Amino acid sequence: MDFKKLGNILTAAGAVVLIGAGFWWFAFYTSIVRDLGRLTGGGADASLSDVLTCLYSSGGICALVSGASSLTGKTPYEPMVFWFGLAGLILGLLIRLAAKPSSTT
């Protein structure tokens, strides 16, 4: 088995999943912040930086927003996707570093 190739595949897949998680988080929380602004008449100064921890965590306000959004029919962001992507990326990099170069004899 070519471990270097396996490492490359895991690294690429992890990076794609991380980027996908970032896009999903951005799309979900942008709509939440926009809806919150509409509900409060633009008086609330909510921004994406307020929910940055929701990218990798599901506690506190993230759980509240996720639960409320699922009641309205929106598919809530799931931080486990971020962790799966990060795990794949790190595992792929570790395998690539540990893999011995293939001999050409």
PDB file of N, CA and C in Angstrom:
ATOM      1  N   MET A   1       0.847  -1.179   0.000  1.00  0.00           N
ATOM      2  CA  MET A   1       0.000   0.000   0.000  1.00  0.00           C
ATOM      3  C   MET A   1       0.893   1.243   0.000  1.00  0.00           C
ATOM      4  N   ASP A   2       0.554   2.187  -0.808  1.00  0.00           N
ATOM      5  CA  ASP A   2       1.315   3.431  -0.906  1.00  0.00           C
ATOM      6  C   ASP A   2       0.779   4.427   0.129  1.00  0.00           C
ATOM      7  N   PHE A   3       1.493   4.521   1.248  1.00  0.00           N
ATOM      8  CA  PHE A   3       1.037   5.378   2.330  1.00  0.00           C
ATOM      9  C   PHE A   3       1.133   6.858   1.981  1.00  0.00           C
ATOM     10  N   LYS A   4       2.084   7.209   1.153  1.00  0.00           N
ATOM     11  CA  LYS A   4       2.208   8.606   0.744  1.00  0.00           C
ATOM     12  C   LYS A   4       0.956   9.045  -0.034  1.00  0.00           C
ATOM     13  N   LYS A   5       0.463   8.158  -0.909  1.00  0.00           N
ATOM     14  CA  LYS A   5      -0.751   8.461  -1.672  1.00  0.00           C
ATOM     15  C   LYS A   5      -1.959   8.550  -0.734  1.00  0.00           C
ATOM     16  N   LEU A   6      -2.036   7.627   0.240  1.00  0.00           N
ATOM     17  CA  LEU A   6      -3.107   7.667   1.229  1.00  0.00           C
ATOM     18  C   LEU A   6      -3.069   8.974   2.014  1.00  0.00           C
ATOM     19  N   GLY A   7      -1.873   9.395   2.395  1.00  0.00           N
ATOM     20  CA  GLY A   7      -1.714  10.670   3.103  1.00  0.00           C
ATOM     21  C   GLY A   7      -2.179  11.845   2.262  1.00  0.00           C
ATOM     22  N   ASN A   8      -1.841  11.818   0.986  1.00  0.00           N
ATOM     23  CA  ASN A   8      -2.275  12.898   0.078  1.00  0.00           C
ATOM     24  C   ASN A   8      -3.798  12.948  -0.032  1.00  0.00           C
ATOM     25  N   ILE A   9      -4.410  11.765  -0.159  1.00  0.00           N
ATOM     26  CA  ILE A   9      -5.870  11.704  -0.291  1.00  0.00           C
ATOM     27  C   ILE A   9      -6.538  12.212   0.979  1.00  0.00           C
ATOM     28  N   LEU A  10      -6.057  11.767   2.135  1.00  0.00           N
ATOM     29  CA  LEU A  10      -6.642  12.217   3.403  1.00  0.00           C
ATOM     30  C   LEU A  10      -6.447  13.714   3.607  1.00  0.00           C
ATOM     31  N   THR A  11      -5.277  14.221   3.252  1.00  0.00           N
ATOM     32  CA  THR A  11      -5.011  15.653   3.389  1.00  0.00           C
ATOM     33  C   THR A  11      -5.951  16.463   2.500  1.00  0.00           C
ATOM     34  N   ALA A  12      -6.092  16.043   1.257  1.00  0.00           N
ATOM     35  CA  ALA A  12      -6.973  16.757   0.330  1.00  0.00           C
ATOM     36  C   ALA A  12      -8.429  16.670   0.771  1.00  0.00           C
ATOM     37  N   ALA A  13      -8.862  15.484   1.175  1.00  0.00           N
ATOM     38  CA  ALA A  13     -10.250  15.320   1.615  1.00  0.00           C
ATOM     39  C   ALA A  13     -10.526  16.146   2.869  1.00  0.00           C
ATOM     40  N   GLY A  14      -9.579  16.141   3.802  1.00  0.00           N
ATOM     41  CA  GLY A  14      -9.739  16.945   5.017  1.00  0.00           C
ATOM     42  C   GLY A  14      -9.835  18.426   4.709  1.00  0.00           C
ATOM     43  N   ALA A  15      -9.001  18.895   3.774  1.00  0.00           N
ATOM     44  CA  ALA A  15      -9.040  20.310   3.398  1.00  0.00           C
ATOM     45  C   ALA A  15     -10.368  20.666   2.735  1.00  0.00           C
ATOM     46  N   VAL A  16     -10.868  19.786   1.879  1.00  0.00           N
ATOM     47  CA  VAL A  16     -12.152  20.038   1.205  1.00  0.00           C
ATOM     48  C   VAL A  16     -13.285  20.083   2.232  1.00  0.00           C
ATOM     49  N   VAL A  17     -13.274  19.153   3.183  1.00  0.00           N
ATOM     50  CA  VAL A  17     -14.320  19.131   4.210  1.00  0.00           C
ATOM     51  C   VAL A  17     -14.228  20.387   5.086  1.00  0.00           C
ATOM     52  N   LEU A  18     -13.013  20.808   5.432  1.00  0.00           N
ATOM     53  CA  LEU A  18     -12.851  22.041   6.220  1.00  0.00           C
ATOM     54  C   LEU A  18     -13.378  23.258   5.471  1.00  0.00           C
ATOM     55  N   ILE A  19     -13.073  23.353   4.201  1.00  0.00           N
ATOM     56  CA  ILE A  19     -13.566  24.480   3.398  1.00  0.00           C
ATOM     57  C   ILE A  19     -15.088  24.425   3.294  1.00  0.00           C
ATOM     58  N   GLY A  20     -15.625  23.229   3.098  1.00  0.00           N
ATOM     59  CA  GLY A  20     -17.082  23.066   3.054  1.00  0.00           C
ATOM     60  C   GLY A  20     -17.740  23.463   4.361  1.00  0.00           C
ATOM     61  N   ALA A  21     -17.118  23.073   5.477  1.00  0.00           N
ATOM     62  CA  ALA A  21     -17.653  23.452   6.788  1.00  0.00           C
ATOM     63  C   ALA A  21     -17.635  24.962   6.959  1.00  0.00           C
ATOM     64  N   GLY A  22     -16.565  25.590   6.493  1.00  0.00           N
ATOM     65  CA  GLY A  22     -16.483  27.056   6.579  1.00  0.00           C
ATOM     66  C   GLY A  22     -17.569  27.737   5.771  1.00  0.00           C
ATOM     67  N   PHE A  23     -17.815  27.237   4.570  1.00  0.00           N
ATOM     68  CA  PHE A  23     -18.883  27.810   3.741  1.00  0.00           C
ATOM     69  C   PHE A  23     -20.252  27.587   4.374  1.00  0.00           C
ATOM     70  N   TRP A  24     -20.484  26.372   4.905  1.00  0.00           N
ATOM     71  CA  TRP A  24     -21.764  26.070   5.540  1.00  0.00           C
ATOM     72  C   TRP A  24     -21.982  26.974   6.750  1.00  0.00           C
ATOM     73  N   TRP A  25     -20.953  27.092   7.611  1.00  0.00           N
ATOM     74  CA  TRP A  25     -21.035  27.969   8.780  1.00  0.00           C
ATOM     75  C   TRP A  25     -21.350  29.399   8.351  1.00  0.00           C
ATOM     76  N   PHE A  26     -20.619  29.891   7.341  1.00  0.00           N
ATOM     77  CA  PHE A  26     -20.807  31.260   6.881  1.00  0.00           C
ATOM     78  C   PHE A  26     -22.232  31.484   6.354  1.00  0.00           C
ATOM     79  N   ALA A  27     -22.705  30.572   5.524  1.00  0.00           N
ATOM     80  CA  ALA A  27     -24.047  30.714   4.950  1.00  0.00           C
ATOM     81  C   ALA A  27     -25.121  30.649   6.033  1.00  0.00           C
ATOM     82  N   PHE A  28     -24.982  29.721   6.952  1.00  0.00           N
ATOM     83  CA  PHE A  28     -25.989  29.550   7.995  1.00  0.00           C
ATOM     84  C   PHE A  28     -26.030  30.760   8.928  1.00  0.00           C
ATOM     85  N   TYR A  29     -24.874  31.154   9.450  1.00  0.00           N
ATOM     86  CA  TYR A  29     -24.872  32.232  10.438  1.00  0.00           C
ATOM     87  C   TYR A  29     -25.049  33.612   9.814  1.00  0.00           C
ATOM     88  N   THR A  30     -24.727  33.778   8.545  1.00  0.00           N
ATOM     89  CA  THR A  30     -25.023  35.044   7.871  1.00  0.00           C
ATOM     90  C   THR A  30     -26.533  35.240   7.813  1.00  0.00           C
ATOM     91  N   SER A  31     -27.261  34.172   7.487  1.00  0.00           N
ATOM     92  CA  SER A  31     -28.724  34.294   7.433  1.00  0.00           C
ATOM     93  C   SER A  31     -29.305  34.534   8.825  1.00  0.00           C
ATOM     94  N   ILE A  32     -28.719  33.917   9.843  1.00  0.00           N
ATOM     95  CA  ILE A  32     -29.203  34.113  11.213  1.00  0.00           C
ATOM     96  C   ILE A  32     -28.973  35.561  11.648  1.00  0.00           C
ATOM     97  N   VAL A  33     -27.787  36.087  11.394  1.00  0.00           N
ATOM     98  CA  VAL A  33     -27.471  37.469  11.774  1.00  0.00           C
ATOM     99  C   VAL A  33     -28.376  38.437  11.014  1.00  0.00           C
ATOM    100  N   ARG A  34     -28.614  38.156   9.736  1.00  0.00           N
ATOM    101  CA  ARG A  34     -29.498  39.008   8.933  1.00  0.00           C
ATOM    102  C   ARG A  34     -30.929  38.972   9.478  1.00  0.00           C
ATOM    103  N   ASP A  35     -31.427  37.762   9.802  1.00  0.00           N
ATOM    104  CA  ASP A  35     -32.774  37.630  10.357  1.00  0.00           C
ATOM    105  C   ASP A  35     -32.884  38.314  11.713  1.00  0.00           C
ATOM    106  N   LEU A  36     -31.851  38.215  12.516  1.00  0.00           N
ATOM    107  CA  LEU A  36     -31.843  38.875  13.821  1.00  0.00           C
ATOM    108  C   LEU A  36     -31.900  40.386  13.650  1.00  0.00           C
ATOM    109  N   GLY A  37     -31.186  40.907  12.675  1.00  0.00           N
ATOM    110  CA  GLY A  37     -31.231  42.347  12.394  1.00  0.00           C
ATOM    111  C   GLY A  37     -32.619  42.797  11.967  1.00  0.00           C
ATOM    112  N   ARG A  38     -33.284  41.965  11.165  1.00  0.00           N
ATOM    113  CA  ARG A  38     -34.652  42.299  10.734  1.00  0.00           C
ATOM    114  C   ARG A  38     -35.629  42.269  11.900  1.00  0.00           C
ATOM    115  N   LEU A  39     -35.489  41.259  12.769  1.00  0.00           N
ATOM    116  CA  LEU A  39     -36.397  41.136  13.905  1.00  0.00           C
ATOM    117  C   LEU A  39     -36.259  42.278  14.894  1.00  0.00           C
ATOM    118  N   THR A  40     -35.047  42.743  15.069  1.00  0.00           N
ATOM    119  CA  THR A  40     -34.805  43.812  16.046  1.00  0.00           C
ATOM    120  C   THR A  40     -34.839  45.186  15.405  1.00  0.00           C
ATOM    121  N   GLY A  41     -35.169  45.247  14.145  1.00  0.00           N
ATOM    122  CA  GLY A  41     -35.227  46.545  13.473  1.00  0.00           C
ATOM    123  C   GLY A  41     -33.858  47.133  13.218  1.00  0.00           C
ATOM    124  N   GLY A  42     -32.863  46.297  13.138  1.00  0.00           N
ATOM    125  CA  GLY A  42     -31.501  46.769  12.876  1.00  0.00           C
ATOM    126  C   GLY A  42     -30.826  47.329  14.108  1.00  0.00           C
ATOM    127  N   GLY A  43     -31.482  47.248  15.257  1.00  0.00           N
ATOM    128  CA  GLY A  43     -30.910  47.798  16.484  1.00  0.00           C
ATOM    129  C   GLY A  43     -29.830  46.928  17.090  1.00  0.00           C
ATOM    130  N   ALA A  44     -29.883  45.638  16.838  1.00  0.00           N
ATOM    131  CA  ALA A  44     -28.878  44.728  17.395  1.00  0.00           C
ATOM    132  C   ALA A  44     -27.623  44.774  16.542  1.00  0.00           C
ATOM    133  N   ASP A  45     -26.499  44.896  17.190  1.00  0.00           N
ATOM    134  CA  ASP A  45     -25.224  44.949  16.481  1.00  0.00           C
ATOM    135  C   ASP A  45     -24.581  43.567  16.436  1.00  0.00           C
ATOM    136  N   ALA A  46     -25.324  42.582  15.981  1.00  0.00           N
ATOM    137  CA  ALA A  46     -24.799  41.221  15.874  1.00  0.00           C
ATOM    138  C   ALA A  46     -23.945  41.121  14.618  1.00  0.00           C
ATOM    139  N   SER A  47     -22.859  40.364  14.724  1.00  0.00           N
ATOM    140  CA  SER A  47     -21.992  40.141  13.572  1.00  0.00           C
ATOM    141  C   SER A  47     -21.498  38.707  13.595  1.00  0.00           C
ATOM    142  N   LEU A  48     -20.868  38.310  12.504  1.00  0.00           N
ATOM    143  CA  LEU A  48     -20.351  36.945  12.423  1.00  0.00           C
ATOM    144  C   LEU A  48     -19.248  36.690  13.441  1.00  0.00           C
ATOM    145  N   SER A  49     -18.533  37.713  13.838  1.00  0.00           N
ATOM    146  CA  SER A  49     -17.478  37.514  14.832  1.00  0.00           C
ATOM    147  C   SER A  49     -18.062  37.077  16.175  1.00  0.00           C
ATOM    148  N   ASP A  50     -19.340  37.398  16.409  1.00  0.00           N
ATOM    149  CA  ASP A  50     -19.993  36.983  17.648  1.00  0.00           C
ATOM    150  C   ASP A  50     -20.242  35.477  17.681  1.00  0.00           C
ATOM    151  N   VAL A  51     -20.325  34.859  16.534  1.00  0.00           N
ATOM    152  CA  VAL A  51     -20.605  33.421  16.459  1.00  0.00           C
ATOM    153  C   VAL A  51     -19.430  32.646  15.860  1.00  0.00           C
ATOM    154  N   LEU A  52     -18.244  33.214  15.904  1.00  0.00           N
ATOM    155  CA  LEU A  52     -17.065  32.543  15.357  1.00  0.00           C
ATOM    156  C   LEU A  52     -16.789  31.221  16.076  1.00  0.00           C
ATOM    157  N   THR A  53     -17.052  31.172  17.370  1.00  0.00           N
ATOM    158  CA  THR A  53     -16.822  29.923  18.107  1.00  0.00           C
ATOM    159  C   THR A  53     -17.767  28.817  17.663  1.00  0.00           C
ATOM    160  N   CYS A  54     -18.874  29.176  17.032  1.00  0.00           N
ATOM    161  CA  CYS A  54     -19.827  28.170  16.545  1.00  0.00           C
ATOM    162  C   CYS A  54     -19.254  27.375  15.381  1.00  0.00           C
ATOM    163  N   LEU A  55     -18.140  27.830  14.807  1.00  0.00           N
ATOM    164  CA  LEU A  55     -17.478  27.088  13.742  1.00  0.00           C
ATOM    165  C   LEU A  55     -16.979  25.744  14.263  1.00  0.00           C
ATOM    166  N   TYR A  56     -16.524  25.702  15.517  1.00  0.00           N
ATOM    167  CA  TYR A  56     -15.942  24.486  16.073  1.00  0.00           C
ATOM    168  C   TYR A  56     -16.611  24.013  17.364  1.00  0.00           C
ATOM    169  N   SER A  57     -17.638  24.725  17.829  1.00  0.00           N
ATOM    170  CA  SER A  57     -18.269  24.383  19.089  1.00  0.00           C
ATOM    171  C   SER A  57     -19.785  24.446  18.947  1.00  0.00           C
ATOM    172  N   SER A  58     -20.479  23.661  19.751  1.00  0.00           N
ATOM    173  CA  SER A  58     -21.941  23.688  19.692  1.00  0.00           C
ATOM    174  C   SER A  58     -22.555  24.037  21.041  1.00  0.00           C
ATOM    175  N   GLY A  59     -21.790  24.688  21.892  1.00  0.00           N
ATOM    176  CA  GLY A  59     -22.290  25.043  23.209  1.00  0.00           C
ATOM    177  C   GLY A  59     -22.831  26.456  23.260  1.00  0.00           C
ATOM    178  N   GLY A  60     -23.535  26.771  24.332  1.00  0.00           N
ATOM    179  CA  GLY A  60     -24.008  28.126  24.584  1.00  0.00           C
ATOM    180  C   GLY A  60     -24.960  28.652  23.537  1.00  0.00           C
ATOM    181  N   ILE A  61     -24.649  29.829  23.026  1.00  0.00           N
ATOM    182  CA  ILE A  61     -25.501  30.493  22.046  1.00  0.00           C
ATOM    183  C   ILE A  61     -25.612  29.683  20.761  1.00  0.00           C
ATOM    184  N   CYS A  62     -24.581  28.929  20.446  1.00  0.00           N
ATOM    185  CA  CYS A  62     -24.604  28.104  19.230  1.00  0.00           C
ATOM    186  C   CYS A  62     -25.709  27.052  19.308  1.00  0.00           C
ATOM    187  N   ALA A  63     -25.853  26.406  20.462  1.00  0.00           N
ATOM    188  CA  ALA A  63     -26.898  25.400  20.654  1.00  0.00           C
ATOM    189  C   ALA A  63     -28.278  26.044  20.597  1.00  0.00           C
ATOM    190  N   LEU A  64     -28.397  27.235  21.172  1.00  0.00           N
ATOM    191  CA  LEU A  64     -29.667  27.942  21.151  1.00  0.00           C
ATOM    192  C   LEU A  64     -30.075  28.300  19.722  1.00  0.00           C
ATOM    193  N   VAL A  65     -29.139  28.859  18.969  1.00  0.00           N
ATOM    194  CA  VAL A  65     -29.415  29.243  17.585  1.00  0.00           C
ATOM    195  C   VAL A  65     -29.714  28.008  16.743  1.00  0.00           C
ATOM    196  N   SER A  66     -28.950  26.952  16.933  1.00  0.00           N
ATOM    197  CA  SER A  66     -29.145  25.719  16.175  1.00  0.00           C
ATOM    198  C   SER A  66     -30.522  25.117  16.457  1.00  0.00           C
ATOM    199  N   GLY A  67     -30.892  25.066  17.718  1.00  0.00           N
ATOM    200  CA  GLY A  67     -32.201  24.522  18.082  1.00  0.00           C
ATOM    201  C   GLY A  67     -33.340  25.355  17.550  1.00  0.00           C
ATOM    202  N   ALA A  68     -33.222  26.664  17.667  1.00  0.00           N
ATOM    203  CA  ALA A  68     -34.282  27.548  17.187  1.00  0.00           C
ATOM    204  C   ALA A  68     -34.403  27.487  15.666  1.00  0.00           C
ATOM    205  N   SER A  69     -33.288  27.391  14.986  1.00  0.00           N
ATOM    206  CA  SER A  69     -33.345  27.365  13.518  1.00  0.00           C
ATOM    207  C   SER A  69     -33.943  26.071  13.004  1.00  0.00           C
ATOM    208  N   SER A  70     -33.716  24.968  13.694  1.00  0.00           N
ATOM    209  CA  SER A  70     -34.309  23.711  13.247  1.00  0.00           C
ATOM    210  C   SER A  70     -35.824  23.743  13.422  1.00  0.00           C
ATOM    211  N   LEU A  71     -36.313  24.532  14.364  1.00  0.00           N
ATOM    212  CA  LEU A  71     -37.759  24.687  14.529  1.00  0.00           C
ATOM    213  C   LEU A  71     -38.372  25.471  13.374  1.00  0.00           C
ATOM    214  N   THR A  72     -37.571  26.336  12.762  1.00  0.00           N
ATOM    215  CA  THR A  72     -38.076  27.141  11.642  1.00  0.00           C
ATOM    216  C   THR A  72     -37.877  26.457  10.296  1.00  0.00           C
ATOM    217  N   GLY A  73     -37.268  25.283  10.300  1.00  0.00           N
ATOM    218  CA  GLY A  73     -37.098  24.534   9.058  1.00  0.00           C
ATOM    219  C   GLY A  73     -35.739  24.700   8.406  1.00  0.00           C
ATOM    220  N   LYS A  74     -34.836  25.473   9.009  1.00  0.00           N
ATOM    221  CA  LYS A  74     -33.490  25.618   8.450  1.00  0.00           C
ATOM    222  C   LYS A  74     -32.620  24.455   8.922  1.00  0.00           C
ATOM    223  N   THR A  75     -31.708  24.034   8.079  1.00  0.00           N
ATOM    224  CA  THR A  75     -30.762  22.995   8.468  1.00  0.00           C
ATOM    225  C   THR A  75     -29.615  23.654   9.226  1.00  0.00           C
ATOM    226  N   PRO A  76     -29.497  23.372  10.531  1.00  0.00           N
ATOM    227  CA  PRO A  76     -28.465  24.048  11.321  1.00  0.00           C
ATOM    228  C   PRO A  76     -27.064  23.545  10.988  1.00  0.00           C
ATOM    229  N   TYR A  77     -26.090  24.426  11.160  1.00  0.00           N
ATOM    230  CA  TYR A  77     -24.686  24.071  10.962  1.00  0.00           C
ATOM    231  C   TYR A  77     -24.266  23.073  12.033  1.00  0.00           C
ATOM    232  N   GLU A  78     -23.475  22.097  11.662  1.00  0.00           N
ATOM    233  CA  GLU A  78     -22.995  21.072  12.582  1.00  0.00           C
ATOM    234  C   GLU A  78     -21.474  21.152  12.702  1.00  0.00           C
ATOM    235  N   PRO A  79     -20.945  21.565  13.871  1.00  0.00           N
ATOM    236  CA  PRO A  79     -19.496  21.708  14.044  1.00  0.00           C
ATOM    237  C   PRO A  79     -18.712  20.403  13.914  1.00  0.00           C
ATOM    238  N   MET A  80     -19.396  19.253  14.008  1.00  0.00           N
ATOM    239  CA  MET A  80     -18.690  17.979  13.867  1.00  0.00           C
ATOM    240  C   MET A  80     -18.064  17.856  12.485  1.00  0.00           C
ATOM    241  N   VAL A  81     -18.645  18.491  11.481  1.00  0.00           N
ATOM    242  CA  VAL A  81     -18.078  18.476  10.131  1.00  0.00           C
ATOM    243  C   VAL A  81     -16.700  19.138  10.148  1.00  0.00           C
ATOM    244  N   PHE A  82     -16.587  20.249  10.870  1.00  0.00           N
ATOM    245  CA  PHE A  82     -15.295  20.935  11.018  1.00  0.00           C
ATOM    246  C   PHE A  82     -14.266  19.992  11.632  1.00  0.00           C
ATOM    247  N   TRP A  83     -14.648  19.285  12.694  1.00  0.00           N
ATOM    248  CA  TRP A  83     -13.709  18.406  13.390  1.00  0.00           C
ATOM    249  C   TRP A  83     -13.316  17.201  12.530  1.00  0.00           C
ATOM    250  N   PHE A  84     -14.254  16.657  11.753  1.00  0.00           N
ATOM    251  CA  PHE A  84     -13.912  15.556  10.840  1.00  0.00           C
ATOM    252  C   PHE A  84     -12.917  16.025   9.780  1.00  0.00           C
ATOM    253  N   GLY A  85     -13.139  17.202   9.246  1.00  0.00           N
ATOM    254  CA  GLY A  85     -12.220  17.754   8.250  1.00  0.00           C
ATOM    255  C   GLY A  85     -10.836  17.997   8.826  1.00  0.00           C
ATOM    256  N   LEU A  86     -10.796  18.559  10.026  1.00  0.00           N
ATOM    257  CA  LEU A  86      -9.510  18.825  10.668  1.00  0.00           C
ATOM    258  C   LEU A  86      -8.784  17.526  10.988  1.00  0.00           C
ATOM    259  N   ALA A  87      -9.527  16.527  11.457  1.00  0.00           N
ATOM    260  CA  ALA A  87      -8.912  15.227  11.759  1.00  0.00           C
ATOM    261  C   ALA A  87      -8.345  14.585  10.494  1.00  0.00           C
ATOM    262  N   GLY A  88      -9.086  14.643   9.407  1.00  0.00           N
ATOM    263  CA  GLY A  88      -8.595  14.082   8.147  1.00  0.00           C
ATOM    264  C   GLY A  88      -7.355  14.800   7.654  1.00  0.00           C
ATOM    265  N   LEU A  89      -7.357  16.121   7.755  1.00  0.00           N
ATOM    266  CA  LEU A  89      -6.207  16.919   7.325  1.00  0.00           C
ATOM    267  C   LEU A  89      -4.969  16.582   8.152  1.00  0.00           C
ATOM    268  N   ILE A  90      -5.112  16.558   9.461  1.00  0.00           N
ATOM    269  CA  ILE A  90      -3.965  16.272  10.339  1.00  0.00           C
ATOM    270  C   ILE A  90      -3.483  14.835  10.154  1.00  0.00           C
ATOM    271  N   LEU A  91      -4.415  13.892  10.089  1.00  0.00           N
ATOM    272  CA  LEU A  91      -4.029  12.493   9.892  1.00  0.00           C
ATOM    273  C   LEU A  91      -3.308  12.308   8.562  1.00  0.00           C
ATOM    274  N   GLY A  92      -3.814  12.944   7.522  1.00  0.00           N
ATOM    275  CA  GLY A  92      -3.164  12.859   6.213  1.00  0.00           C
ATOM    276  C   GLY A  92      -1.757  13.430   6.234  1.00  0.00           C
ATOM    277  N   LEU A  93      -1.588  14.566   6.899  1.00  0.00           N
ATOM    278  CA  LEU A  93      -0.248  15.168   6.993  1.00  0.00           C
ATOM    279  C   LEU A  93       0.703  14.285   7.789  1.00  0.00           C
ATOM    280  N   LEU A  94       0.202  13.698   8.869  1.00  0.00           N
ATOM    281  CA  LEU A  94       1.053  12.813   9.673  1.00  0.00           C
ATOM    282  C   LEU A  94       1.459  11.569   8.891  1.00  0.00           C
ATOM    283  N   ILE A  95       0.531  11.004   8.137  1.00  0.00           N
ATOM    284  CA  ILE A  95       0.853   9.826   7.322  1.00  0.00           C
ATOM    285  C   ILE A  95       1.879  10.188   6.255  1.00  0.00           C
ATOM    286  N   ARG A  96       1.701  11.345   5.631  1.00  0.00           N
ATOM    287  CA  ARG A  96       2.675  11.776   4.601  1.00  0.00           C
ATOM    288  C   ARG A  96       4.064  11.949   5.196  1.00  0.00           C
ATOM    289  N   LEU A  97       4.139  12.537   6.379  1.00  0.00           N
ATOM    290  CA  LEU A  97       5.435  12.761   7.014  1.00  0.00           C
ATOM    291  C   LEU A  97       6.088  11.454   7.445  1.00  0.00           C
ATOM    292  N   ALA A  98       5.269  10.495   7.869  1.00  0.00           N
ATOM    293  CA  ALA A  98       5.808   9.225   8.379  1.00  0.00           C
ATOM    294  C   ALA A  98       6.096   8.236   7.250  1.00  0.00           C
ATOM    295  N   ALA A  99       5.492   8.421   6.098  1.00  0.00           N
ATOM    296  CA  ALA A  99       5.663   7.468   4.995  1.00  0.00           C
ATOM    297  C   ALA A  99       7.085   7.524   4.452  1.00  0.00           C
ATOM    298  N   LYS A 100       7.639   6.384   4.244  1.00  0.00           N
ATOM    299  CA  LYS A 100       8.971   6.301   3.654  1.00  0.00           C
ATOM    300  C   LYS A 100       8.844   6.529   2.155  1.00  0.00           C
ATOM    301  N   PRO A 101       9.820   7.177   1.563  1.00  0.00           N
ATOM    302  CA  PRO A 101       9.755   7.365   0.109  1.00  0.00           C
ATOM    303  C   PRO A 101       9.770   6.016  -0.606  1.00  0.00           C
ATOM    304  N   SER A 102       8.981   5.899  -1.644  1.00  0.00           N
ATOM    305  CA  SER A 102       8.924   4.641  -2.372  1.00  0.00           C
ATOM    306  C   SER A 102      10.207   4.466  -3.181  1.00  0.00           C
ATOM    307  N   SER A 103      10.745   3.240  -3.128  1.00  0.00           N
ATOM    308  CA  SER A 103      11.990   2.977  -3.861  1.00  0.00           C
ATOM    309  C   SER A 103      11.676   2.657  -5.304  1.00  0.00           C
ATOM    310  N   THR A 104      12.544   3.072  -6.186  1.00  0.00           N
ATOM    311  CA  THR A 104      12.346   2.848  -7.630  1.00  0.00           C
ATOM    312  C   THR A 104      13.400   1.878  -8.140  1.00  0.00           C
ATOM    313  N   THR A 105      13.267   0.616  -7.721  1.00  0.00           N
ATOM    314  CA  THR A 105      14.211  -0.409  -8.195  1.00  0.00           C
ATOM    315  C   THR A 105      13.598  -1.348  -9.151  1.00  0.00           C
TER     316      THR A 105
END
